[in-house]
Amino acid sequence: MISTNISTIKSRLSSYLDQVKCGETVIISDRAHPVAILAPYQPHGGGEWAPRLADLVRKGMAATRGKRDTSFKIKPRDVAREARLVEAVLEERAAGR
């Protein structure tokens, strides 16, 4: 597995694509934070992502769109609950606790 940043991938995309064609995986980072993976195309199966997505479905963090459909969608966050938590933290800070 290779790691690189956005500016390097932009300037050397052809050489990285050649490495991906040979089976290599490239992690692309923005300011030292990984943002994307460049991996060999796999027309069937789903590759290394299929087990990870299945694990997210088991944990309730993702859902499939149908019984035979292998595409996934992320469940929406509970924004109202998160807002209440933020308000509680701000109240505690204001009270000096």
PDB file of N, CA and C in Angstrom:
ATOM      1  N   MET A   1       0.843  -1.170   0.000  1.00  0.00           N
ATOM      2  CA  MET A   1       0.000   0.000   0.000  1.00  0.00           C
ATOM      3  C   MET A   1       0.891   1.237   0.000  1.00  0.00           C
ATOM      4  N   ILE A   2       0.541   2.196  -0.847  1.00  0.00           N
ATOM      5  CA  ILE A   2       1.299   3.428  -1.004  1.00  0.00           C
ATOM      6  C   ILE A   2       0.479   4.586  -0.448  1.00  0.00           C
ATOM      7  N   SER A   3       1.131   5.542   0.197  1.00  0.00           N
ATOM      8  CA  SER A   3       0.463   6.752   0.668  1.00  0.00           C
ATOM      9  C   SER A   3       1.054   7.950  -0.047  1.00  0.00           C
ATOM     10  N   THR A   4       0.187   8.891  -0.409  1.00  0.00           N
ATOM     11  CA  THR A   4       0.644  10.115  -1.070  1.00  0.00           C
ATOM     12  C   THR A   4      -0.328  11.244  -0.758  1.00  0.00           C
ATOM     13  N   ASN A   5       0.060  12.464  -1.122  1.00  0.00           N
ATOM     14  CA  ASN A   5      -0.838  13.590  -0.904  1.00  0.00           C
ATOM     15  C   ASN A   5      -1.458  14.034  -2.226  1.00  0.00           C
ATOM     16  N   ILE A   6      -2.397  14.959  -2.142  1.00  0.00           N
ATOM     17  CA  ILE A   6      -3.161  15.366  -3.316  1.00  0.00           C
ATOM     18  C   ILE A   6      -2.274  15.991  -4.391  1.00  0.00           C
ATOM     19  N   SER A   7      -1.363  16.870  -3.996  1.00  0.00           N
ATOM     20  CA  SER A   7      -0.530  17.531  -5.005  1.00  0.00           C
ATOM     21  C   SER A   7       0.361  16.536  -5.746  1.00  0.00           C
ATOM     22  N   THR A   8       0.856  15.532  -5.047  1.00  0.00           N
ATOM     23  CA  THR A   8       1.700  14.528  -5.693  1.00  0.00           C
ATOM     24  C   THR A   8       0.887  13.663  -6.641  1.00  0.00           C
ATOM     25  N   ILE A   9      -0.311  13.277  -6.220  1.00  0.00           N
ATOM     26  CA  ILE A   9      -1.134  12.433  -7.096  1.00  0.00           C
ATOM     27  C   ILE A   9      -1.533  13.212  -8.346  1.00  0.00           C
ATOM     28  N   LYS A  10      -1.776  14.524  -8.205  1.00  0.00           N
ATOM     29  CA  LYS A  10      -2.139  15.336  -9.367  1.00  0.00           C
ATOM     30  C   LYS A  10      -0.991  15.408 -10.368  1.00  0.00           C
ATOM     31  N   SER A  11       0.223  15.535  -9.875  1.00  0.00           N
ATOM     32  CA  SER A  11       1.357  15.703 -10.781  1.00  0.00           C
ATOM     33  C   SER A  11       1.878  14.376 -11.341  1.00  0.00           C
ATOM     34  N   ARG A  12       1.587  13.263 -10.672  1.00  0.00           N
ATOM     35  CA  ARG A  12       2.128  11.964 -11.101  1.00  0.00           C
ATOM     36  C   ARG A  12       1.044  10.903 -11.257  1.00  0.00           C
ATOM     37  N   LEU A  13      -0.139  11.319 -11.671  1.00  0.00           N
ATOM     38  CA  LEU A  13      -1.267  10.399 -11.739  1.00  0.00           C
ATOM     39  C   LEU A  13      -0.978   9.188 -12.621  1.00  0.00           C
ATOM     40  N   SER A  14      -0.352   9.398 -13.762  1.00  0.00           N
ATOM     41  CA  SER A  14      -0.087   8.277 -14.677  1.00  0.00           C
ATOM     42  C   SER A  14       0.775   7.197 -14.030  1.00  0.00           C
ATOM     43  N   SER A  15       1.799   7.598 -13.297  1.00  0.00           N
ATOM     44  CA  SER A  15       2.670   6.595 -12.672  1.00  0.00           C
ATOM     45  C   SER A  15       1.928   5.852 -11.559  1.00  0.00           C
ATOM     46  N   TYR A  16       1.066   6.574 -10.808  1.00  0.00           N
ATOM     47  CA  TYR A  16       0.292   5.899  -9.769  1.00  0.00           C
ATOM     48  C   TYR A  16      -0.725   4.944 -10.390  1.00  0.00           C
ATOM     49  N   LEU A  17      -1.333   5.337 -11.510  1.00  0.00           N
ATOM     50  CA  LEU A  17      -2.282   4.436 -12.182  1.00  0.00           C
ATOM     51  C   LEU A  17      -1.585   3.178 -12.688  1.00  0.00           C
ATOM     52  N   ASP A  18      -0.349   3.320 -13.163  1.00  0.00           N
ATOM     53  CA  ASP A  18       0.419   2.140 -13.577  1.00  0.00           C
ATOM     54  C   ASP A  18       0.626   1.191 -12.400  1.00  0.00           C
ATOM     55  N   GLN A  19       0.913   1.737 -11.228  1.00  0.00           N
ATOM     56  CA  GLN A  19       1.102   0.897 -10.043  1.00  0.00           C
ATOM     57  C   GLN A  19      -0.209   0.232  -9.624  1.00  0.00           C
ATOM     58  N   VAL A  20      -1.318   0.969  -9.747  1.00  0.00           N
ATOM     59  CA  VAL A  20      -2.629   0.399  -9.411  1.00  0.00           C
ATOM     60  C   VAL A  20      -2.977  -0.730 -10.380  1.00  0.00           C
ATOM     61  N   LYS A  21      -2.626  -0.555 -11.651  1.00  0.00           N
ATOM     62  CA  LYS A  21      -2.872  -1.622 -12.640  1.00  0.00           C
ATOM     63  C   LYS A  21      -2.139  -2.903 -12.261  1.00  0.00           C
ATOM     64  N   CYS A  22      -1.016  -2.761 -11.563  1.00  0.00           N
ATOM     65  CA  CYS A  22      -0.232  -3.926 -11.130  1.00  0.00           C
ATOM     66  C   CYS A  22      -0.729  -4.481  -9.792  1.00  0.00           C
ATOM     67  N   GLY A  23      -1.828  -3.940  -9.271  1.00  0.00           N
ATOM     68  CA  GLY A  23      -2.402  -4.476  -8.040  1.00  0.00           C
ATOM     69  C   GLY A  23      -2.150  -3.670  -6.783  1.00  0.00           C
ATOM     70  N   GLU A  24      -1.441  -2.570  -6.894  1.00  0.00           N
ATOM     71  CA  GLU A  24      -1.124  -1.741  -5.728  1.00  0.00           C
ATOM     72  C   GLU A  24      -2.329  -0.883  -5.337  1.00  0.00           C
ATOM     73  N   THR A  25      -2.433  -0.523  -4.065  1.00  0.00           N
ATOM     74  CA  THR A  25      -3.465   0.370  -3.562  1.00  0.00           C
ATOM     75  C   THR A  25      -2.793   1.642  -3.077  1.00  0.00           C
ATOM     76  N   VAL A  26      -3.395   2.814  -3.409  1.00  0.00           N
ATOM     77  CA  VAL A  26      -2.821   4.103  -3.045  1.00  0.00           C
ATOM     78  C   VAL A  26      -3.796   4.839  -2.126  1.00  0.00           C
ATOM     79  N   ILE A  27      -3.300   5.289  -0.980  1.00  0.00           N
ATOM     80  CA  ILE A  27      -4.093   6.107  -0.067  1.00  0.00           C
ATOM     81  C   ILE A  27      -3.724   7.560  -0.337  1.00  0.00           C
ATOM     82  N   ILE A  28      -4.742   8.393  -0.614  1.00  0.00           N
ATOM     83  CA  ILE A  28      -4.530   9.800  -0.918  1.00  0.00           C
ATOM     84  C   ILE A  28      -4.929  10.628   0.296  1.00  0.00           C
ATOM     85  N   SER A  29      -4.010  11.479   0.753  1.00  0.00           N
ATOM     86  CA  SER A  29      -4.241  12.282   1.959  1.00  0.00           C
ATOM     87  C   SER A  29      -4.298  13.763   1.642  1.00  0.00           C
ATOM     88  N   ASP A  30      -5.056  14.486   2.468  1.00  0.00           N
ATOM     89  CA  ASP A  30      -5.121  15.936   2.402  1.00  0.00           C
ATOM     90  C   ASP A  30      -4.674  16.460   3.766  1.00  0.00           C
ATOM     91  N   ARG A  31      -3.533  17.101   3.803  1.00  0.00           N
ATOM     92  CA  ARG A  31      -2.944  17.601   5.049  1.00  0.00           C
ATOM     93  C   ARG A  31      -2.817  16.490   6.094  1.00  0.00           C
ATOM     94  N   ALA A  32      -2.270  15.371   5.678  1.00  0.00           N
ATOM     95  CA  ALA A  32      -1.976  14.208   6.529  1.00  0.00           C
ATOM     96  C   ALA A  32      -3.226  13.449   6.978  1.00  0.00           C
ATOM     97  N   HIS A  33      -4.403  13.767   6.418  1.00  0.00           N
ATOM     98  CA  HIS A  33      -5.627  13.026   6.740  1.00  0.00           C
ATOM     99  C   HIS A  33      -6.072  12.253   5.501  1.00  0.00           C
ATOM    100  N   PRO A  34      -6.158  10.926   5.574  1.00  0.00           N
ATOM    101  CA  PRO A  34      -6.593  10.136   4.420  1.00  0.00           C
ATOM    102  C   PRO A  34      -8.000  10.546   3.964  1.00  0.00           C
ATOM    103  N   VAL A  35      -8.152  10.751   2.660  1.00  0.00           N
ATOM    104  CA  VAL A  35      -9.451  11.151   2.116  1.00  0.00           C
ATOM    105  C   VAL A  35      -9.961  10.222   1.023  1.00  0.00           C
ATOM    106  N   ALA A  36      -9.075   9.424   0.422  1.00  0.00           N
ATOM    107  CA  ALA A  36      -9.509   8.562  -0.673  1.00  0.00           C
ATOM    108  C   ALA A  36      -8.552   7.388  -0.842  1.00  0.00           C
ATOM    109  N   ILE A  37      -9.066   6.363  -1.500  1.00  0.00           N
ATOM    110  CA  ILE A  37      -8.250   5.203  -1.836  1.00  0.00           C
ATOM    111  C   ILE A  37      -8.357   4.975  -3.334  1.00  0.00           C
ATOM    112  N   LEU A  38      -7.225   4.810  -3.968  1.00  0.00           N
ATOM    113  CA  LEU A  38      -7.165   4.466  -5.379  1.00  0.00           C
ATOM    114  C   LEU A  38      -6.772   3.002  -5.444  1.00  0.00           C
ATOM    115  N   ALA A  39      -7.706   2.160  -5.883  1.00  0.00           N
ATOM    116  CA  ALA A  39      -7.489   0.711  -5.862  1.00  0.00           C
ATOM    117  C   ALA A  39      -7.835   0.114  -7.219  1.00  0.00           C
ATOM    118  N   PRO A  40      -7.322  -1.074  -7.512  1.00  0.00           N
ATOM    119  CA  PRO A  40      -7.651  -1.724  -8.778  1.00  0.00           C
ATOM    120  C   PRO A  40      -9.156  -1.956  -8.912  1.00  0.00           C
ATOM    121  N   TYR A  41      -9.662  -1.765 -10.101  1.00  0.00           N
ATOM    122  CA  TYR A  41     -11.076  -1.990 -10.387  1.00  0.00           C
ATOM    123  C   TYR A  41     -11.375  -3.481 -10.344  1.00  0.00           C
ATOM    124  N   GLN A  42     -12.457  -3.829  -9.650  1.00  0.00           N
ATOM    125  CA  GLN A  42     -12.887  -5.225  -9.590  1.00  0.00           C
ATOM    126  C   GLN A  42     -14.340  -5.275 -10.047  1.00  0.00           C
ATOM    127  N   PRO A  43     -14.603  -5.773 -11.249  1.00  0.00           N
ATOM    128  CA  PRO A  43     -15.953  -5.722 -11.792  1.00  0.00           C
ATOM    129  C   PRO A  43     -16.978  -6.546 -11.008  1.00  0.00           C
ATOM    130  N   HIS A  44     -16.552  -7.563 -10.290  1.00  0.00           N
ATOM    131  CA  HIS A  44     -17.486  -8.390  -9.526  1.00  0.00           C
ATOM    132  C   HIS A  44     -16.971  -8.583  -8.113  1.00  0.00           C
ATOM    133  N   GLY A  45     -17.888  -8.710  -7.175  1.00  0.00           N
ATOM    134  CA  GLY A  45     -17.493  -9.092  -5.826  1.00  0.00           C
ATOM    135  C   GLY A  45     -17.419  -7.958  -4.829  1.00  0.00           C
ATOM    136  N   GLY A  46     -16.786  -6.876  -5.122  1.00  0.00           N
ATOM    137  CA  GLY A  46     -16.688  -5.789  -4.165  1.00  0.00           C
ATOM    138  C   GLY A  46     -15.323  -5.693  -3.510  1.00  0.00           C
ATOM    139  N   GLY A  47     -14.471  -6.697  -3.689  1.00  0.00           N
ATOM    140  CA  GLY A  47     -13.110  -6.612  -3.190  1.00  0.00           C
ATOM    141  C   GLY A  47     -13.011  -6.492  -1.687  1.00  0.00           C
ATOM    142  N   GLU A  48     -12.014  -5.725  -1.232  1.00  0.00           N
ATOM    143  CA  GLU A  48     -11.737  -5.607   0.193  1.00  0.00           C
ATOM    144  C   GLU A  48     -12.787  -4.787   0.932  1.00  0.00           C
ATOM    145  N   TRP A  49     -13.644  -4.039   0.223  1.00  0.00           N
ATOM    146  CA  TRP A  49     -14.655  -3.211   0.882  1.00  0.00           C
ATOM    147  C   TRP A  49     -15.876  -4.007   1.306  1.00  0.00           C
ATOM    148  N   ALA A  50     -16.166  -5.129   0.651  1.00  0.00           N
ATOM    149  CA  ALA A  50     -17.370  -5.894   0.967  1.00  0.00           C
ATOM    150  C   ALA A  50     -17.430  -6.324   2.434  1.00  0.00           C
ATOM    151  N   PRO A  51     -16.375  -6.879   3.033  1.00  0.00           N
ATOM    152  CA  PRO A  51     -16.451  -7.239   4.454  1.00  0.00           C
ATOM    153  C   PRO A  51     -16.661  -6.032   5.362  1.00  0.00           C
ATOM    154  N   ARG A  52     -16.034  -4.917   5.052  1.00  0.00           N
ATOM    155  CA  ARG A  52     -16.184  -3.713   5.872  1.00  0.00           C
ATOM    156  C   ARG A  52     -17.624  -3.201   5.812  1.00  0.00           C
ATOM    157  N   LEU A  53     -18.203  -3.178   4.609  1.00  0.00           N
ATOM    158  CA  LEU A  53     -19.584  -2.726   4.471  1.00  0.00           C
ATOM    159  C   LEU A  53     -20.547  -3.679   5.175  1.00  0.00           C
ATOM    160  N   ALA A  54     -20.298  -4.975   5.072  1.00  0.00           N
ATOM    161  CA  ALA A  54     -21.147  -5.945   5.773  1.00  0.00           C
ATOM    162  C   ALA A  54     -21.070  -5.738   7.284  1.00  0.00           C
ATOM    163  N   ASP A  55     -19.896  -5.399   7.792  1.00  0.00           N
ATOM    164  CA  ASP A  55     -19.728  -5.132   9.219  1.00  0.00           C
ATOM    165  C   ASP A  55     -20.516  -3.885   9.633  1.00  0.00           C
ATOM    166  N   LEU A  56     -20.506  -2.843   8.794  1.00  0.00           N
ATOM    167  CA  LEU A  56     -21.276  -1.637   9.089  1.00  0.00           C
ATOM    168  C   LEU A  56     -22.778  -1.929   9.109  1.00  0.00           C
ATOM    169  N   VAL A  57     -23.239  -2.794   8.230  1.00  0.00           N
ATOM    170  CA  VAL A  57     -24.660  -3.169   8.216  1.00  0.00           C
ATOM    171  C   VAL A  57     -25.011  -3.917   9.498  1.00  0.00           C
ATOM    172  N   ARG A  58     -24.143  -4.845   9.924  1.00  0.00           N
ATOM    173  CA  ARG A  58     -24.396  -5.586  11.169  1.00  0.00           C
ATOM    174  C   ARG A  58     -24.464  -4.657  12.374  1.00  0.00           C
ATOM    175  N   LYS A  59     -23.636  -3.609  12.378  1.00  0.00           N
ATOM    176  CA  LYS A  59     -23.612  -2.662  13.497  1.00  0.00           C
ATOM    177  C   LYS A  59     -24.738  -1.633  13.418  1.00  0.00           C
ATOM    178  N   GLY A  60     -25.498  -1.642  12.316  1.00  0.00           N
ATOM    179  CA  GLY A  60     -26.588  -0.699  12.161  1.00  0.00           C
ATOM    180  C   GLY A  60     -26.157   0.669  11.681  1.00  0.00           C
ATOM    181  N   MET A  61     -24.940   0.787  11.188  1.00  0.00           N
ATOM    182  CA  MET A  61     -24.424   2.083  10.738  1.00  0.00           C
ATOM    183  C   MET A  61     -24.652   2.313   9.247  1.00  0.00           C
ATOM    184  N   ALA A  62     -25.069   1.277   8.520  1.00  0.00           N
ATOM    185  CA  ALA A  62     -25.371   1.387   7.093  1.00  0.00           C
ATOM    186  C   ALA A  62     -26.492   0.414   6.785  1.00  0.00           C
ATOM    187  N   ALA A  63     -27.121   0.608   5.637  1.00  0.00           N
ATOM    188  CA  ALA A  63     -28.212  -0.281   5.241  1.00  0.00           C
ATOM    189  C   ALA A  63     -28.129  -0.532   3.747  1.00  0.00           C
ATOM    190  N   THR A  64     -28.551  -1.694   3.329  1.00  0.00           N
ATOM    191  CA  THR A  64     -28.603  -1.982   1.900  1.00  0.00           C
ATOM    192  C   THR A  64     -29.890  -1.408   1.347  1.00  0.00           C
ATOM    193  N   ARG A  65     -29.937  -1.226   0.051  1.00  0.00           N
ATOM    194  CA  ARG A  65     -31.117  -0.641  -0.585  1.00  0.00           C
ATOM    195  C   ARG A  65     -32.079  -1.710  -1.098  1.00  0.00           C
ATOM    196  N   GLY A  66     -31.787  -2.932  -0.892  1.00  0.00           N
ATOM    197  CA  GLY A  66     -32.661  -3.998  -1.355  1.00  0.00           C
ATOM    198  C   GLY A  66     -32.053  -5.340  -1.043  1.00  0.00           C
ATOM    199  N   LYS A  67     -32.841  -6.385  -1.210  1.00  0.00           N
ATOM    200  CA  LYS A  67     -32.355  -7.706  -0.839  1.00  0.00           C
ATOM    201  C   LYS A  67     -31.162  -8.136  -1.683  1.00  0.00           C
ATOM    202  N   ARG A  68     -31.206  -7.898  -2.976  1.00  0.00           N
ATOM    203  CA  ARG A  68     -30.109  -8.322  -3.842  1.00  0.00           C
ATOM    204  C   ARG A  68     -29.174  -7.183  -4.230  1.00  0.00           C
ATOM    205  N   ASP A  69     -29.537  -5.973  -3.899  1.00  0.00           N
ATOM    206  CA  ASP A  69     -28.722  -4.807  -4.236  1.00  0.00           C
ATOM    207  C   ASP A  69     -27.513  -4.737  -3.305  1.00  0.00           C
ATOM    208  N   THR A  70     -26.327  -4.540  -3.869  1.00  0.00           N
ATOM    209  CA  THR A  70     -25.123  -4.482  -3.042  1.00  0.00           C
ATOM    210  C   THR A  70     -24.682  -3.050  -2.770  1.00  0.00           C
ATOM    211  N   SER A  71     -25.467  -2.067  -3.200  1.00  0.00           N
ATOM    212  CA  SER A  71     -25.101  -0.694  -2.895  1.00  0.00           C
ATOM    213  C   SER A  71     -25.532  -0.361  -1.472  1.00  0.00           C
ATOM    214  N   PHE A  72     -24.833   0.576  -0.860  1.00  0.00           N
ATOM    215  CA  PHE A  72     -25.074   0.905   0.535  1.00  0.00           C
ATOM    216  C   PHE A  72     -25.366   2.384   0.684  1.00  0.00           C
ATOM    217  N   LYS A  73     -26.104   2.719   1.723  1.00  0.00           N
ATOM    218  CA  LYS A  73     -26.332   4.122   2.057  1.00  0.00           C
ATOM    219  C   LYS A  73     -26.063   4.295   3.544  1.00  0.00           C
ATOM    220  N   ILE A  74     -25.585   5.449   3.910  1.00  0.00           N
ATOM    221  CA  ILE A  74     -25.303   5.752   5.309  1.00  0.00           C
ATOM    222  C   ILE A  74     -26.597   6.229   5.968  1.00  0.00           C
ATOM    223  N   LYS A  75     -26.855   5.731   7.173  1.00  0.00           N
ATOM    224  CA  LYS A  75     -28.036   6.171   7.898  1.00  0.00           C
ATOM    225  C   LYS A  75     -27.846   7.610   8.367  1.00  0.00           C
ATOM    226  N   PRO A  76     -28.917   8.416   8.353  1.00  0.00           N
ATOM    227  CA  PRO A  76     -28.777   9.809   8.783  1.00  0.00           C
ATOM    228  C   PRO A  76     -28.475   9.910  10.276  1.00  0.00           C
ATOM    229  N   ARG A  77     -27.722  10.937  10.638  1.00  0.00           N
ATOM    230  CA  ARG A  77     -27.389  11.163  12.043  1.00  0.00           C
ATOM    231  C   ARG A  77     -28.584  11.760  12.765  1.00  0.00           C
ATOM    232  N   ASP A  78     -28.653  11.547  14.064  1.00  0.00           N
ATOM    233  CA  ASP A  78     -29.700  12.122  14.889  1.00  0.00           C
ATOM    234  C   ASP A  78     -29.251  13.517  15.301  1.00  0.00           C
ATOM    235  N   VAL A  79     -29.532  14.499  14.443  1.00  0.00           N
ATOM    236  CA  VAL A  79     -29.056  15.858  14.653  1.00  0.00           C
ATOM    237  C   VAL A  79     -29.690  16.478  15.904  1.00  0.00           C
ATOM    238  N   ALA A  80     -30.970  16.202  16.138  1.00  0.00           N
ATOM    239  CA  ALA A  80     -31.642  16.782  17.309  1.00  0.00           C
ATOM    240  C   ALA A  80     -30.983  16.295  18.595  1.00  0.00           C
ATOM    241  N   ARG A  81     -30.651  15.012  18.667  1.00  0.00           N
ATOM    242  CA  ARG A  81     -29.994  14.463  19.860  1.00  0.00           C
ATOM    243  C   ARG A  81     -28.623  15.102  20.043  1.00  0.00           C
ATOM    244  N   GLU A  82     -27.876  15.241  18.958  1.00  0.00           N
ATOM    245  CA  GLU A  82     -26.553  15.852  19.045  1.00  0.00           C
ATOM    246  C   GLU A  82     -26.660  17.304  19.498  1.00  0.00           C
ATOM    247  N   ALA A  83     -27.686  18.022  19.041  1.00  0.00           N
ATOM    248  CA  ALA A  83     -27.869  19.417  19.456  1.00  0.00           C
ATOM    249  C   ALA A  83     -28.146  19.493  20.959  1.00  0.00           C
ATOM    250  N   ARG A  84     -28.933  18.552  21.480  1.00  0.00           N
ATOM    251  CA  ARG A  84     -29.206  18.543  22.920  1.00  0.00           C
ATOM    252  C   ARG A  84     -27.932  18.282  23.712  1.00  0.00           C
ATOM    253  N   LEU A  85     -27.081  17.408  23.202  1.00  0.00           N
ATOM    254  CA  LEU A  85     -25.820  17.127  23.886  1.00  0.00           C
ATOM    255  C   LEU A  85     -24.925  18.367  23.911  1.00  0.00           C
ATOM    256  N   VAL A  86     -24.874  19.072  22.800  1.00  0.00           N
ATOM    257  CA  VAL A  86     -24.066  20.289  22.732  1.00  0.00           C
ATOM    258  C   VAL A  86     -24.600  21.323  23.716  1.00  0.00           C
ATOM    259  N   GLU A  87     -25.927  21.470  23.763  1.00  0.00           N
ATOM    260  CA  GLU A  87     -26.527  22.423  24.700  1.00  0.00           C
ATOM    261  C   GLU A  87     -26.190  22.056  26.143  1.00  0.00           C
ATOM    262  N   ALA A  88     -26.205  20.768  26.489  1.00  0.00           N
ATOM    263  CA  ALA A  88     -25.880  20.334  27.847  1.00  0.00           C
ATOM    264  C   ALA A  88     -24.426  20.669  28.188  1.00  0.00           C
ATOM    265  N   VAL A  89     -23.531  20.465  27.250  1.00  0.00           N
ATOM    266  CA  VAL A  89     -22.122  20.781  27.492  1.00  0.00           C
ATOM    267  C   VAL A  89     -21.945  22.286  27.696  1.00  0.00           C
ATOM    268  N   LEU A  90     -22.603  23.074  26.870  1.00  0.00           N
ATOM    269  CA  LEU A  90     -22.490  24.527  26.997  1.00  0.00           C
ATOM    270  C   LEU A  90     -23.065  25.015  28.326  1.00  0.00           C
ATOM    271  N   GLU A  91     -24.170  24.408  28.781  1.00  0.00           N
ATOM    272  CA  GLU A  91     -24.738  24.777  30.071  1.00  0.00           C
ATOM    273  C   GLU A  91     -23.771  24.465  31.208  1.00  0.00           C
ATOM    274  N   GLU A  92     -23.115  23.308  31.141  1.00  0.00           N
ATOM    275  CA  GLU A  92     -22.147  22.948  32.182  1.00  0.00           C
ATOM    276  C   GLU A  92     -20.958  23.892  32.179  1.00  0.00           C
ATOM    277  N   ARG A  93     -20.499  24.262  31.007  1.00  0.00           N
ATOM    278  CA  ARG A  93     -19.386  25.207  30.939  1.00  0.00           C
ATOM    279  C   ARG A  93     -19.783  26.557  31.533  1.00  0.00           C
ATOM    280  N   ALA A  94     -20.991  27.002  31.229  1.00  0.00           N
ATOM    281  CA  ALA A  94     -21.460  28.287  31.740  1.00  0.00           C
ATOM    282  C   ALA A  94     -21.588  28.257  33.261  1.00  0.00           C
ATOM    283  N   ALA A  95     -21.968  27.092  33.804  1.00  0.00           N
ATOM    284  CA  ALA A  95     -22.120  26.959  35.253  1.00  0.00           C
ATOM    285  C   ALA A  95     -20.767  26.761  35.950  1.00  0.00           C
ATOM    286  N   GLY A  96     -19.717  26.571  35.175  1.00  0.00           N
ATOM    287  CA  GLY A  96     -18.380  26.410  35.747  1.00  0.00           C
ATOM    288  C   GLY A  96     -18.118  25.034  36.318  1.00  0.00           C
ATOM    289  N   ARG A  97     -18.827  24.027  35.828  1.00  0.00           N
ATOM    290  CA  ARG A  97     -18.608  22.665  36.318  1.00  0.00           C
ATOM    291  C   ARG A  97     -17.598  21.935  35.501  1.00  0.00           C
TER     292      ARG A  97
END
